[in-house]
Amino acid sequence: MRYKGIIFDLDGTLADTLEDLADSMNRVLALQGLPVHSYDAYRYFIGKGVTNLVAETLPQEKRSEELIIQCYELIVADYWKNYLVKTRLYDGISDVLNILKGQGIKMAVFSNKPDGLTKKIVEALAGNDNFEMVIGAQAGLPVKPDPAGAMLISSHFGIAPGDILYLGDTDIDMMTANNARMVAVGAQWGFRTKEDLLGSGASAVIAHPLELLQIMGIEMPAHAYGKTPVICKS
């Protein structure tokens, strides 16, 4: 099937943002005299929005509303200064974006990261002009896995949800795609395992961005052959 549109998650899908996010949060924790966490631990902290990130990194006995708000403000301030220190696009993403744009596929980015930061990072790394919409967490728009943002993009595209692929790297993304009745595709290079993605509703899991072209019904460049999507059998 030739799909007409695609929605990308940002963190762990388009860009490897893990270390910059972890470094910012760890600086906040250290400032409070609290334990910091490894990069691997942050793979499961990231994906549900900054408030949840703060809450999950705090010791359970310290998760008061007051401290969560205080640490939220601190990490946002720190991350605004440090969001592109280590962050980069994953290998193959630029090629995929160029090919999809050349094929006339409508593209968007939907993240649980604050809207301003989402737009800044996408603009710096990939260019907002590659996308019909770039949206993050904002007042009046429920965060993922609520499908409202995905449905907003579908309406803006003028494309039915069933004709849109949703590429993400977490259970939250797979849930969002299925809630919106879009086709959920898991990015194995991100913050979760293949098993996590299939278990949370992925229709397919791909190990390299160029494999997305096969699912989209677009011929891959010669150097991409041999990469086969791992299809979830139902």
Foldseek 3Di string as FASTA:
>chain_A
DAFQAEEEEPDFTFKPQQVLLLVLLQVLQVVVVHDGDDSLVVLVLPAQALLSSLQVGGDVVPNDPVVSVVSSVRSVVSCVVRRVVPMATDPPSQVVLVVCVVVNRAYEYEGQYQFVVQVVVCCVHPRCVSHPYYGYDDPPADHFPPQRVVVVVCVSVVHQQQSYEYEDAALRSQSNSVNSVHAYEHECSGSDHPCRRVVSHHQWYFDHVQQVCVVNVHDGPPVPPPGHIHGNDD
